[in-house]
Amino acid sequence: MSEEISNPLLSLIHGQGLIDDLQYEEVAGELKRNAAPVVQVLQDFGIMKLDDILHVMATAIGTEVVSLKDRQIPAEVLNLIPAKLAQMYHCLPVALNGGTLQVAVADPLNPQVADEIGFTAKRDVQIVVADPAEILRAIERLYGAEESGGFSEILKELSDDKDMAREVVEAADDAAAAEALANEVPIVKFVNLVLQQAVQDRASDIHFEPFETEFRIRYRVDGALYEMAPPPKHLAMPVTSRIKVMANLDISERRLPQDGRINMRIGGRQVDLRVSCLPTAFGESIVLRVLDRSSVNLELESLGFPKYVYDFITEVIQRPNGIFVVTGPTGCGKTTTLYSCLRRVNVIDSKLLTAEDPVEFDIEGIMQVAINEAQGMTFAKALKSFLRQDPDIIMVGEMRDLETAQISIQASLTGHLVLSTLHTNDSPGAVTRLVDMGVEPFLISSTLMAVLGQRLVRTNCKNCRTPFEPTEQQLSLLGLSPHDLGDKVFNYGRGCSVCNDTGYKGRKGIYELLVVSEAIRNLINERAPTVVLRQKAVELGMVTLREDGLRSIFDGDTTIEEVVKYT
């Protein structure tokens, strides 16, 4: 058995025989890799349902399970626990019975929490059990951030503030007034709550979008966009200004795009926000890319590769030279794959250099260079310098032009392993893209080892995953008939509180590996088109993205709609 995990709940469940040793090892390993709550991991792995977990905890401490959904708590009860304490211990006062304060706690098996709450509230405390996600939502709803009202309360306050609407008009052409407005307490609280909510919901991007008659805030979770409660139109300018202040951008510049970065702690986690500001017809559109270091697992084993892909990648990144390319559209996890490869080969006797635009995650032991084309620091310029730095392995964030591609090839020919990305629809298309850039085919065929095409598809929520019978129309989208199915089972997520009623929670990769064999090299030298390269690769055993998507469907991991959408 693995090293004991210091988690009372996991030990309790294992001790009661509710999970076996293998499941214990699986959960314990995930807890070591990621700082996720045990309750969440047990659900995500499909080992136990939420109700069963809550019942086990309640029985262990001799208490009851309560529901917090839409529960209203009197102010005199709520005021017994300060917001900071509630956020620190993820606890919520529920009721006051006589002199005893009933408190719902996300970690009810921790006796320190009850002692601390009792000392602060100067009351006897009875711990009750509730869904940890409901507790966090209730804290957000009833306390909000910075000891203020929740999102809806602040939104109402700002909507009713006629003075602010007037100040926005007055500050339209005055940078100093706009900055003063951006630093007003209600605006600061509102922006902080938006960021907090988005990070809590595992958003990858946050969009602030001004239109003619409305101001829209949306965030992307697992590749899909969801809209927040729309704030009033007059908040667009002060909210935009607030974000620009946080990112150290020029508030007065509203005609040109700007890029910046925000580093802050949200919900006890260090989060980097990459800021992109774009002038539009009705104001500035801002998109924040959320880089949550605690939510990213850069272990190669955790990426969900099929065994043949995993075995090939682990072998290819140990080679002394050559080029390995990962391809796919924006946001499909290419950089994560390359980071994971680098983590695997990051040893004391190898020097690793990366050129990135921008550097998304800092990896200890690797020299990472940020590309800044405005200041003349291009990929090509960085690569030229890399070759004088005695590297063993080079990562190029993206091969965008002929010069970058040529230097990458030169590096591989002079005894360096080069990892890079390309934006193409499939793995054979990467070869054609390099030829179209102007790279000589014989150079590609002699240096390119493999191309990995990938996509990210949403995965079914394991808490509400349910089998279903697909229609003939759905099967036709996959090119299948009912006779092809045999005993294959299809699943979908019904929607529950765990997945916010979406039916999906998390994403996984589907992959297409093109290995550059002798036959493929000959076709590259002949300048064969993409369709011919693909046909030959399939003949030689390449599993396409669609076929790997089918594997994920039959494993119960995703749906027909997701695979069809991305392949």
Protein backbone atom coordinates (compact mmCIF):
# COMPACT_ATOMS: atom_id res chain seq x y z
CA MET A 1 0.00 0.00 0.00
CA SER A 2 1.17 3.51 -0.77
CA GLU A 3 2.37 5.98 1.78
CA GLU A 4 -0.49 6.79 4.17
CA ILE A 5 -2.49 9.85 3.19
CA SER A 6 -3.31 12.14 6.08
CA ASN A 7 -7.02 12.30 5.40
CA PRO A 8 -9.50 11.12 8.02
CA LEU A 9 -12.36 10.63 5.55
CA LEU A 10 -10.36 8.40 3.20
CA SER A 11 -9.05 6.37 6.15
CA LEU A 12 -12.59 6.08 7.58
CA ILE A 13 -14.12 4.85 4.34
CA HIS A 14 -11.28 2.41 3.76
CA GLY A 15 -11.43 1.17 7.35
CA GLN A 16 -15.16 0.44 7.01
CA GLY A 17 -14.52 -1.64 3.91
CA LEU A 18 -16.49 0.70 1.65
CA ILE A 19 -13.55 0.90 -0.77
CA ASP A 20 -10.98 -1.79 -1.50
CA ASP A 21 -7.21 -1.46 -1.43
CA LEU A 22 -7.01 -0.76 -5.17
CA GLN A 23 -9.55 2.08 -4.92
CA TYR A 24 -7.74 3.43 -1.86
CA GLU A 25 -4.48 3.48 -3.84
CA GLU A 26 -6.22 5.20 -6.77
CA VAL A 27 -7.70 7.97 -4.59
CA ALA A 28 -4.53 8.36 -2.53
CA GLY A 29 -2.49 8.78 -5.71
CA GLU A 30 -4.84 11.46 -7.01
CA LEU A 31 -4.65 13.31 -3.67
CA LYS A 32 -0.87 13.34 -3.94
CA ARG A 33 -1.00 14.73 -7.48
CA ASN A 34 -3.76 17.30 -6.97
CA ALA A 35 -5.03 19.28 -4.01
CA ALA A 36 -8.64 18.24 -4.69
CA PRO A 37 -11.18 17.49 -1.91
CA VAL A 38 -11.54 13.78 -1.12
CA VAL A 39 -15.31 14.02 -1.54
CA GLN A 40 -14.83 15.31 -5.07
CA VAL A 41 -12.23 12.68 -6.01
CA LEU A 42 -14.45 9.82 -4.78
CA GLN A 43 -17.28 11.13 -6.96
CA ASP A 44 -15.11 11.90 -10.00
CA PHE A 45 -13.70 8.38 -9.95
CA GLY A 46 -17.23 6.93 -9.67
CA ILE A 47 -16.30 5.11 -6.45
CA MET A 48 -19.00 6.54 -4.15
CA LYS A 49 -22.02 8.79 -4.57
CA LEU A 50 -22.27 12.06 -2.69
CA ASP A 51 -25.21 11.03 -0.50
CA ASP A 52 -23.35 7.90 0.64
CA ILE A 53 -20.22 9.87 1.53
CA LEU A 54 -22.19 12.43 3.53
CA HIS A 55 -24.03 9.66 5.40
CA VAL A 56 -20.74 7.98 6.35
CA MET A 57 -19.38 11.22 7.79
CA ALA A 58 -22.59 12.00 9.68
CA THR A 59 -22.73 8.51 11.18
CA ALA A 60 -19.08 8.68 12.23
CA ILE A 61 -19.59 11.82 14.35
CA GLY A 62 -23.19 11.11 15.38
CA THR A 63 -24.88 14.00 13.59
CA GLU A 64 -27.25 14.68 10.69
CA VAL A 65 -26.98 15.64 7.04
CA VAL A 66 -28.56 18.98 6.09
CA SER A 67 -29.31 20.60 2.74
CA LEU A 68 -28.17 24.18 2.17
CA LYS A 69 -29.67 24.67 -1.27
CA ASP A 70 -31.53 28.00 -1.28
CA ARG A 71 -31.56 27.94 2.52
CA GLN A 72 -32.03 31.33 4.16
CA ILE A 73 -30.08 31.91 7.37
CA PRO A 74 -31.04 34.70 9.81
CA ALA A 75 -28.55 37.55 10.00
CA GLU A 76 -28.13 37.13 13.78
CA VAL A 77 -26.98 33.53 13.19
CA LEU A 78 -24.75 34.43 10.25
CA ASN A 79 -23.04 37.21 12.22
CA LEU A 80 -21.84 34.72 14.86
CA ILE A 81 -19.11 33.54 12.45
CA PRO A 82 -17.02 36.19 10.64
CA ALA A 83 -16.66 35.90 6.88
CA LYS A 84 -12.90 35.30 7.08
CA LEU A 85 -13.41 32.34 9.45
CA ALA A 86 -16.17 30.93 7.24
CA GLN A 87 -13.92 31.15 4.18
CA MET A 88 -10.87 29.79 6.01
CA TYR A 89 -12.58 26.68 7.41
CA HIS A 90 -15.32 26.35 4.75
CA CYS A 91 -17.98 26.43 7.43
CA LEU A 92 -21.43 27.99 7.63
CA PRO A 93 -23.64 28.67 10.68
CA VAL A 94 -27.02 27.04 10.01
CA ALA A 95 -29.17 27.56 13.10
CA LEU A 96 -29.06 28.58 16.76
CA ASN A 97 -30.88 26.12 19.01
CA GLY A 98 -30.89 27.50 22.54
CA GLY A 99 -27.24 28.25 23.23
CA THR A 100 -25.93 25.72 20.71
CA LEU A 101 -24.78 26.91 17.28
CA GLN A 102 -25.36 24.42 14.46
CA VAL A 103 -22.56 24.67 11.89
CA ALA A 104 -22.18 22.91 8.54
CA VAL A 105 -18.53 22.12 7.84
CA ALA A 106 -16.86 20.90 4.63
CA ASP A 107 -14.41 18.82 6.74
CA PRO A 108 -16.55 17.66 9.70
CA LEU A 109 -14.00 15.05 10.79
CA ASN A 110 -11.50 17.75 11.78
CA PRO A 111 -12.01 18.46 15.52
CA GLN A 112 -9.91 21.65 15.35
CA VAL A 113 -12.63 23.35 13.29
CA ALA A 114 -15.31 22.94 15.97
CA ASP A 115 -12.94 24.21 18.68
CA GLU A 116 -12.00 27.29 16.67
CA ILE A 117 -15.62 28.09 15.78
CA GLY A 118 -16.78 27.61 19.37
CA PHE A 119 -14.04 29.91 20.65
CA THR A 120 -14.88 32.65 18.12
CA ALA A 121 -18.66 32.40 18.41
CA LYS A 122 -18.56 31.94 22.21
CA ARG A 123 -21.18 29.19 21.84
CA ASP A 124 -21.42 25.45 22.12
CA VAL A 125 -21.09 24.09 18.60
CA GLN A 126 -22.89 21.17 16.96
CA ILE A 127 -21.26 20.09 13.70
CA VAL A 128 -23.61 18.97 10.90
CA VAL A 129 -22.73 17.49 7.52
CA ALA A 130 -23.58 19.08 4.16
CA ASP A 131 -22.44 18.91 0.56
CA PRO A 132 -19.06 20.77 0.53
CA ALA A 133 -19.95 22.37 -2.82
CA GLU A 134 -23.23 23.65 -1.33
CA ILE A 135 -21.33 25.05 1.66
CA LEU A 136 -18.97 27.01 -0.62
CA ARG A 137 -21.87 28.32 -2.71
CA ALA A 138 -23.76 29.35 0.42
CA ILE A 139 -20.67 31.16 1.79
CA GLU A 140 -20.37 32.96 -1.52
CA ARG A 141 -24.09 33.78 -1.56
CA LEU A 142 -24.37 34.91 2.05
CA TYR A 143 -20.94 36.37 2.77
CA GLY A 144 -19.41 37.02 -0.64
CA ALA A 145 -15.81 38.14 -1.00
CA GLU A 146 -14.00 40.63 1.14
CA GLU A 147 -16.62 40.35 3.86
CA SER A 148 -19.20 41.98 1.65
CA GLY A 149 -22.53 40.96 0.27
CA GLY A 150 -22.71 38.21 -2.31
CA PHE A 151 -22.69 38.60 -6.10
CA SER A 152 -26.38 39.34 -6.48
CA GLU A 153 -26.34 41.88 -3.61
CA ILE A 154 -23.42 43.82 -5.07
CA LEU A 155 -24.95 43.67 -8.54
CA LYS A 156 -28.20 45.13 -7.18
CA GLU A 157 -26.27 47.81 -5.30
CA LEU A 158 -24.42 48.83 -8.46
CA SER A 159 -27.58 48.73 -10.60
CA ASP A 160 -29.36 51.09 -8.19
CA ASP A 161 -26.40 53.48 -7.91
CA LYS A 162 -27.49 56.45 -10.05
CA ASP A 163 -24.46 58.47 -8.99
CA MET A 164 -22.11 55.88 -10.46
CA ALA A 165 -23.91 55.94 -13.79
CA ARG A 166 -23.41 59.72 -13.88
CA GLU A 167 -19.73 59.37 -12.85
CA VAL A 168 -19.16 56.91 -15.70
CA VAL A 169 -20.38 59.48 -18.23
CA GLU A 170 -18.18 62.17 -16.69
CA ALA A 171 -15.11 59.90 -16.68
CA ALA A 172 -15.46 58.87 -20.33
CA ASP A 173 -12.66 61.20 -21.50
CA ASP A 174 -10.79 61.65 -18.22
CA ALA A 175 -8.17 58.97 -17.43
CA ALA A 176 -7.71 60.15 -13.83
CA ALA A 177 -11.46 60.06 -13.17
CA ALA A 178 -11.71 56.62 -14.81
CA GLU A 179 -8.93 55.29 -12.57
CA ALA A 180 -10.59 56.76 -9.46
CA LEU A 181 -13.85 55.10 -10.50
CA ALA A 182 -12.07 51.78 -11.06
CA ASN A 183 -10.76 51.86 -7.49
CA GLU A 184 -14.12 52.49 -5.85
CA VAL A 185 -15.05 49.80 -3.34
CA PRO A 186 -18.19 48.44 -5.10
CA ILE A 187 -16.31 48.02 -8.42
CA VAL A 188 -13.36 46.32 -6.71
CA LYS A 189 -15.71 43.94 -4.87
CA PHE A 190 -17.68 43.19 -8.04
CA VAL A 191 -14.61 42.31 -10.11
CA ASN A 192 -13.16 40.21 -7.28
CA LEU A 193 -16.42 38.27 -6.99
CA VAL A 194 -16.54 37.62 -10.74
CA LEU A 195 -12.97 36.28 -10.66
CA GLN A 196 -13.66 34.22 -7.54
CA GLN A 197 -16.80 32.66 -9.04
CA ALA A 198 -15.07 31.84 -12.32
CA VAL A 199 -12.07 30.18 -10.62
CA GLN A 200 -14.40 28.27 -8.27
CA ASP A 201 -16.26 26.92 -11.32
CA ARG A 202 -12.95 25.84 -12.96
CA ALA A 203 -13.18 28.42 -15.77
CA SER A 204 -10.33 28.55 -18.28
CA ASP A 205 -11.31 31.96 -19.73
CA ILE A 206 -13.40 34.92 -18.55
CA HIS A 207 -14.97 37.23 -21.17
CA PHE A 208 -16.08 40.82 -20.51
CA GLU A 209 -18.02 41.88 -23.62
CA PRO A 210 -19.61 45.31 -24.20
CA PHE A 211 -22.47 45.54 -26.72
CA GLU A 212 -24.71 48.40 -27.81
CA THR A 213 -27.41 47.79 -25.21
CA GLU A 214 -25.83 45.35 -22.75
CA PHE A 215 -22.65 44.32 -20.93
CA ARG A 216 -22.12 40.59 -20.95
CA ILE A 217 -19.83 38.48 -18.74
CA ARG A 218 -19.22 34.89 -19.79
CA TYR A 219 -16.74 32.23 -18.74
CA ARG A 220 -15.57 29.04 -20.40
CA VAL A 221 -15.71 25.77 -18.46
CA ASP A 222 -14.58 22.52 -20.10
CA GLY A 223 -14.62 24.24 -23.49
CA ALA A 224 -18.22 25.57 -23.25
CA LEU A 225 -19.22 29.19 -22.57
CA TYR A 226 -21.65 30.06 -19.75
CA GLU A 227 -23.14 33.49 -19.05
CA MET A 228 -23.18 35.15 -15.63
CA ALA A 229 -26.01 37.38 -14.48
CA PRO A 230 -25.63 40.39 -16.81
CA PRO A 231 -24.52 43.60 -15.05
CA PRO A 232 -25.93 46.99 -16.12
CA LYS A 233 -24.46 48.51 -19.29
CA HIS A 234 -22.86 51.47 -17.49
CA LEU A 235 -20.53 49.13 -15.56
CA ALA A 236 -18.60 48.21 -18.72
CA MET A 237 -16.17 51.11 -18.54
CA PRO A 238 -15.35 51.02 -14.78
CA VAL A 239 -15.03 47.19 -14.81
CA THR A 240 -12.74 47.36 -17.84
CA SER A 241 -10.71 50.11 -16.18
CA ARG A 242 -10.45 48.05 -12.98
CA ILE A 243 -9.01 45.08 -14.84
CA LYS A 244 -6.56 47.35 -16.69
CA VAL A 245 -5.43 48.82 -13.36
CA MET A 246 -4.88 45.31 -11.96
CA ALA A 247 -2.87 44.34 -15.06
CA ASN A 248 -0.81 47.60 -15.07
CA LEU A 249 -2.16 48.60 -18.48
CA ASP A 250 -2.68 52.11 -19.83
CA ILE A 251 -6.21 53.18 -18.85
CA SER A 252 -6.22 56.12 -21.25
CA GLU A 253 -5.41 53.93 -24.27
CA ARG A 254 -8.73 52.70 -25.67
CA ARG A 255 -7.92 52.55 -29.39
CA LEU A 256 -5.18 49.90 -29.49
CA PRO A 257 -5.04 46.30 -28.21
CA GLN A 258 -3.12 45.73 -24.97
CA ASP A 259 -1.84 42.61 -23.22
CA GLY A 260 -0.97 42.19 -19.57
CA ARG A 261 -0.90 39.82 -16.64
CA ILE A 262 -2.47 39.67 -13.18
CA ASN A 263 -1.08 37.52 -10.38
CA MET A 264 -3.35 37.13 -7.37
CA ARG A 265 -4.63 34.71 -4.74
CA ILE A 266 -8.21 33.54 -5.22
CA GLY A 267 -9.81 31.11 -2.80
CA GLY A 268 -6.47 30.38 -1.15
CA ARG A 269 -4.84 29.48 -4.50
CA GLN A 270 -2.25 31.34 -6.54
CA VAL A 271 -3.78 32.15 -9.92
CA ASP A 272 -2.22 33.86 -12.96
CA LEU A 273 -4.58 35.75 -15.26
CA ARG A 274 -3.42 36.55 -18.77
CA VAL A 275 -5.20 39.72 -19.93
CA SER A 276 -6.08 40.61 -23.53
CA CYS A 277 -7.78 43.95 -24.20
CA LEU A 278 -9.35 44.58 -27.63
CA PRO A 279 -11.09 47.82 -28.73
CA THR A 280 -14.55 47.22 -30.28
CA ALA A 281 -17.35 49.38 -31.62
CA PHE A 282 -19.02 49.64 -28.18
CA GLY A 283 -16.05 49.63 -25.82
CA GLU A 284 -13.16 47.39 -24.91
CA SER A 285 -13.58 43.62 -24.90
CA ILE A 286 -11.41 41.92 -22.30
CA VAL A 287 -10.58 38.22 -22.09
CA LEU A 288 -8.76 36.75 -19.12
CA ARG A 289 -7.03 33.38 -19.56
CA VAL A 290 -7.01 31.64 -16.15
CA LEU A 291 -3.77 29.83 -15.38
CA ASP A 292 -4.54 28.01 -12.14
CA ARG A 293 -1.34 26.19 -11.19
CA SER A 294 -3.08 24.04 -8.57
CA SER A 295 -5.52 22.59 -11.12
CA VAL A 296 -2.93 21.49 -13.70
CA ASN A 297 -1.33 18.08 -13.49
CA LEU A 298 1.85 17.92 -15.58
CA GLU A 299 2.50 14.22 -15.10
CA LEU A 300 2.64 12.39 -18.42
CA GLU A 301 0.64 9.49 -16.99
CA SER A 302 -2.29 11.74 -16.10
CA LEU A 303 -3.02 12.90 -19.68
CA GLY A 304 -5.02 9.80 -20.59
CA PHE A 305 -2.93 8.64 -23.56
CA PRO A 306 -3.79 5.26 -25.06
CA LYS A 307 -1.02 2.83 -24.13
CA TYR A 308 0.55 2.75 -27.61
CA VAL A 309 0.73 6.58 -27.67
CA TYR A 310 2.13 6.78 -24.15
CA ASP A 311 4.78 4.12 -24.90
CA PHE A 312 5.86 5.87 -28.11
CA ILE A 313 6.07 9.34 -26.52
CA THR A 314 8.09 8.12 -23.56
CA GLU A 315 10.50 6.52 -26.02
CA VAL A 316 10.71 9.40 -28.51
CA ILE A 317 11.47 12.10 -25.91
CA GLN A 318 14.51 10.09 -24.84
CA ARG A 319 16.08 10.30 -28.29
CA PRO A 320 19.13 12.54 -28.71
CA ASN A 321 17.81 14.48 -31.71
CA GLY A 322 14.86 14.96 -34.01
CA ILE A 323 11.60 16.92 -33.97
CA PHE A 324 8.38 15.94 -32.22
CA VAL A 325 5.34 18.07 -33.07
CA VAL A 326 2.00 18.35 -31.26
CA THR A 327 -0.80 19.78 -33.35
CA GLY A 328 -4.38 20.92 -32.94
CA PRO A 329 -6.50 24.07 -32.60
CA THR A 330 -6.15 26.66 -29.84
CA GLY A 331 -7.06 25.40 -26.38
CA CYS A 332 -6.69 21.68 -27.07
CA GLY A 333 -3.92 21.08 -24.51
CA LYS A 334 -0.84 21.14 -26.78
CA THR A 335 1.26 23.14 -24.31
CA THR A 336 0.22 20.90 -21.42
CA THR A 337 1.37 17.85 -23.39
CA LEU A 338 4.75 19.42 -24.12
CA TYR A 339 5.16 20.58 -20.50
CA SER A 340 4.49 17.03 -19.36
CA CYS A 341 7.11 15.73 -21.80
CA LEU A 342 9.61 18.25 -20.45
CA ARG A 343 8.84 17.26 -16.87
CA ARG A 344 9.64 13.66 -17.75
CA VAL A 345 13.07 14.49 -19.26
CA ASN A 346 13.95 17.25 -16.78
CA VAL A 347 16.97 15.59 -15.16
CA ILE A 348 20.20 17.02 -13.79
CA ASP A 349 22.34 15.91 -16.75
CA SER A 350 20.18 17.60 -19.41
CA LYS A 351 19.79 21.29 -20.19
CA LEU A 352 16.30 22.31 -21.29
CA LEU A 353 15.39 25.61 -22.94
CA THR A 354 11.92 26.82 -23.93
CA ALA A 355 10.68 29.74 -26.04
CA GLU A 356 7.05 30.53 -25.22
CA ASP A 357 4.47 33.22 -25.94
CA PRO A 358 3.83 33.65 -23.07
CA VAL A 359 5.39 31.44 -20.39
CA GLU A 360 2.29 29.81 -18.93
CA PHE A 361 3.79 27.80 -16.07
CA ASP A 362 7.16 28.04 -14.37
CA ILE A 363 8.93 24.68 -14.23
CA GLU A 364 11.87 24.35 -11.89
CA GLY A 365 15.12 23.39 -13.58
CA ILE A 366 14.11 24.62 -17.06
CA MET A 367 15.28 27.89 -18.65
CA GLN A 368 12.11 29.50 -19.99
CA VAL A 369 12.20 32.50 -22.33
CA ALA A 370 9.18 34.72 -22.96
CA ILE A 371 8.65 35.83 -26.56
CA ASN A 372 7.96 39.54 -27.02
CA GLU A 373 7.70 40.41 -30.69
CA ALA A 374 6.95 44.09 -29.98
CA GLN A 375 10.43 44.36 -28.48
CA GLY A 376 12.06 42.25 -31.17
CA MET A 377 12.26 39.01 -29.18
CA THR A 378 10.86 36.59 -31.75
CA PHE A 379 10.87 32.79 -31.78
CA ALA A 380 13.58 32.83 -34.43
CA LYS A 381 15.79 35.20 -32.46
CA ALA A 382 15.36 33.15 -29.28
CA LEU A 383 16.24 29.94 -31.12
CA LYS A 384 19.42 31.43 -32.59
CA SER A 385 20.54 32.32 -29.08
CA PHE A 386 19.51 28.88 -27.77
CA LEU A 387 22.00 27.18 -30.06
CA ARG A 388 24.81 29.09 -28.31
CA GLN A 389 23.55 28.02 -24.85
CA ASP A 390 24.61 24.35 -25.18
CA PRO A 391 21.08 22.88 -24.76
CA ASP A 392 20.08 19.22 -24.98
CA ILE A 393 16.35 19.72 -25.47
CA ILE A 394 14.56 22.76 -26.92
CA MET A 395 10.86 23.52 -26.79
CA VAL A 396 9.47 25.98 -29.32
CA GLY A 397 6.04 27.24 -28.32
CA GLU A 398 4.86 27.42 -31.93
CA MET A 399 6.45 27.14 -35.36
CA ARG A 400 4.77 30.18 -36.92
CA ASP A 401 7.03 31.00 -39.85
CA LEU A 402 9.70 29.69 -42.16
CA GLU A 403 12.65 31.09 -40.21
CA THR A 404 11.51 29.48 -36.94
CA ALA A 405 10.91 26.15 -38.68
CA GLN A 406 14.31 26.25 -40.40
CA ILE A 407 16.19 26.99 -37.18
CA SER A 408 14.27 24.21 -35.40
CA ILE A 409 15.33 21.79 -38.14
CA GLN A 410 18.91 23.06 -37.95
CA ALA A 411 18.87 22.47 -34.19
CA SER A 412 17.67 18.89 -34.61
CA LEU A 413 20.32 18.21 -37.28
CA THR A 414 23.05 19.41 -34.91
CA GLY A 415 22.16 16.97 -32.15
CA HIS A 416 19.24 18.54 -30.28
CA LEU A 417 15.79 17.20 -29.48
CA VAL A 418 13.16 19.77 -30.50
CA LEU A 419 9.56 19.79 -29.23
CA SER A 420 7.08 22.17 -30.81
CA THR A 421 3.45 22.84 -31.76
CA LEU A 422 1.57 23.66 -34.93
CA HIS A 423 -1.99 24.80 -35.56
CA THR A 424 -3.42 22.22 -38.01
CA ASN A 425 -6.60 20.13 -38.14
CA ASP A 426 -4.88 16.76 -38.00
CA SER A 427 -1.46 15.19 -37.71
CA PRO A 428 -0.79 14.59 -41.47
CA GLY A 429 -1.70 18.25 -42.04
CA ALA A 430 1.37 19.29 -40.01
CA VAL A 431 3.65 17.98 -42.75
CA THR A 432 1.78 19.89 -45.44
CA ARG A 433 1.84 23.03 -43.30
CA LEU A 434 5.65 22.88 -42.99
CA VAL A 435 5.99 22.41 -46.76
CA ASP A 436 3.66 25.35 -47.37
CA MET A 437 5.88 27.49 -45.11
CA GLY A 438 8.75 26.83 -47.50
CA VAL A 439 10.66 24.09 -45.66
CA GLU A 440 12.32 21.65 -48.05
CA PRO A 441 10.62 18.21 -47.90
CA PHE A 442 13.93 16.33 -47.54
CA LEU A 443 14.68 18.35 -44.37
CA ILE A 444 11.27 17.49 -42.92
CA SER A 445 11.58 13.79 -43.70
CA SER A 446 15.05 13.56 -42.18
CA THR A 447 14.23 15.33 -38.90
CA LEU A 448 10.51 14.83 -38.12
CA MET A 449 9.98 11.78 -35.90
CA ALA A 450 6.24 11.98 -35.20
CA VAL A 451 3.23 14.28 -35.08
CA LEU A 452 0.64 14.00 -32.32
CA GLY A 453 -2.78 15.44 -33.16
CA GLN A 454 -5.09 15.99 -30.21
CA ARG A 455 -8.42 17.40 -29.09
CA LEU A 456 -10.08 17.89 -25.72
CA VAL A 457 -13.61 16.54 -25.29
CA ARG A 458 -15.83 17.03 -22.27
CA THR A 459 -16.22 13.98 -20.05
CA ASN A 460 -19.45 12.66 -18.60
CA CYS A 461 -20.07 13.55 -14.97
CA LYS A 462 -19.38 10.33 -13.06
CA ASN A 463 -21.98 11.20 -10.44
CA CYS A 464 -24.90 11.28 -12.88
CA ARG A 465 -23.61 9.17 -15.79
CA THR A 466 -26.45 7.07 -17.24
CA PRO A 467 -26.58 4.48 -20.08
CA PHE A 468 -28.83 5.22 -23.06
CA GLU A 469 -29.75 3.81 -26.47
CA PRO A 470 -28.53 6.04 -29.32
CA THR A 471 -30.82 6.75 -32.25
CA GLU A 472 -29.96 5.74 -35.81
CA GLN A 473 -29.44 9.41 -36.62
CA GLN A 474 -26.88 9.75 -33.80
CA LEU A 475 -25.10 6.61 -34.96
CA SER A 476 -25.00 7.87 -38.54
CA LEU A 477 -23.01 10.90 -37.36
CA LEU A 478 -20.30 8.45 -36.31
CA GLY A 479 -20.62 6.38 -39.47
CA LEU A 480 -22.05 3.44 -37.51
CA SER A 481 -25.16 1.31 -37.83
CA PRO A 482 -27.04 -0.59 -35.07
CA HIS A 483 -25.42 -3.80 -36.39
CA ASP A 484 -21.94 -2.42 -35.60
CA LEU A 485 -22.64 -1.98 -31.90
CA GLY A 486 -22.69 -5.49 -30.50
CA ASP A 487 -22.65 -5.14 -26.70
CA LYS A 488 -21.32 -1.56 -26.77
CA VAL A 489 -22.89 0.78 -24.18
CA PHE A 490 -23.41 4.53 -24.62
CA ASN A 491 -23.56 6.94 -21.68
CA TYR A 492 -24.53 10.54 -21.02
CA GLY A 493 -24.73 12.81 -17.95
CA ARG A 494 -28.27 13.58 -16.74
CA GLY A 495 -27.11 16.68 -14.86
CA CYS A 496 -26.70 17.09 -11.12
CA SER A 497 -25.32 19.50 -8.50
CA VAL A 498 -21.79 18.13 -8.98
CA CYS A 499 -21.67 19.19 -12.65
CA ASN A 500 -23.95 22.25 -12.32
CA ASP A 501 -26.61 20.37 -14.29
CA THR A 502 -24.48 20.26 -17.44
CA GLY A 503 -23.94 16.50 -17.51
CA TYR A 504 -20.22 17.07 -18.04
CA LYS A 505 -17.34 17.52 -15.62
CA GLY A 506 -13.75 17.82 -16.79
CA ARG A 507 -12.15 17.08 -20.15
CA LYS A 508 -9.95 14.37 -21.58
CA GLY A 509 -7.79 14.09 -24.65
CA ILE A 510 -8.36 12.11 -27.79
CA TYR A 511 -5.29 11.50 -29.90
CA GLU A 512 -3.97 10.74 -33.37
CA LEU A 513 -0.32 9.70 -33.65
CA LEU A 514 1.45 9.90 -37.02
CA VAL A 515 4.76 8.05 -36.83
CA VAL A 516 7.13 9.07 -39.62
CA SER A 517 8.08 5.68 -41.04
CA GLU A 518 10.11 5.00 -44.20
CA ALA A 519 6.95 4.92 -46.33
CA ILE A 520 5.79 8.26 -44.90
CA ARG A 521 9.25 9.77 -45.52
CA ASN A 522 9.07 8.79 -49.17
CA LEU A 523 5.68 10.46 -49.52
CA ILE A 524 6.98 13.63 -47.81
CA ASN A 525 9.91 13.76 -50.27
CA GLU A 526 7.39 13.42 -53.11
CA ARG A 527 5.38 16.38 -51.72
CA ALA A 528 2.33 14.17 -51.33
CA PRO A 529 -0.85 16.03 -50.29
CA THR A 530 -2.40 15.62 -46.86
CA VAL A 531 -5.08 13.17 -48.04
CA VAL A 532 -2.44 10.78 -49.43
CA LEU A 533 -0.34 11.01 -46.26
CA ARG A 534 -3.43 10.30 -44.17
CA GLN A 535 -4.44 7.33 -46.30
CA LYS A 536 -0.97 5.78 -46.06
CA ALA A 537 -0.76 6.42 -42.30
CA VAL A 538 -4.12 4.69 -41.76
CA GLU A 539 -2.93 1.75 -43.88
CA LEU A 540 0.13 1.54 -41.60
CA GLY A 541 -2.08 1.42 -38.48
CA MET A 542 -2.63 5.05 -37.45
CA VAL A 543 -5.68 5.42 -35.19
CA THR A 544 -7.55 8.56 -36.23
CA LEU A 545 -9.06 11.15 -33.89
CA ARG A 546 -12.53 9.86 -34.72
CA GLU A 547 -11.53 6.25 -33.90
CA ASP A 548 -9.92 7.30 -30.60
CA GLY A 549 -13.07 9.31 -29.86
CA LEU A 550 -15.11 6.14 -30.35
CA ARG A 551 -12.88 4.42 -27.79
CA SER A 552 -13.73 7.15 -25.28
CA ILE A 553 -17.45 6.84 -26.06
CA PHE A 554 -17.45 3.07 -25.54
CA ASP A 555 -15.47 3.50 -22.31
CA GLY A 556 -18.32 5.69 -21.05
CA ASP A 557 -16.10 8.77 -20.83
CA THR A 558 -17.81 11.08 -23.31
CA THR A 559 -20.76 11.47 -25.66
CA ILE A 560 -21.43 11.16 -29.38
CA GLU A 561 -22.02 14.92 -29.64
CA GLU A 562 -18.62 15.77 -28.18
CA VAL A 563 -16.70 13.44 -30.50
CA VAL A 564 -18.60 14.60 -33.59
CA LYS A 565 -18.04 18.25 -32.62
CA TYR A 566 -14.25 17.93 -32.41
CA THR A 567 -13.48 15.31 -35.08
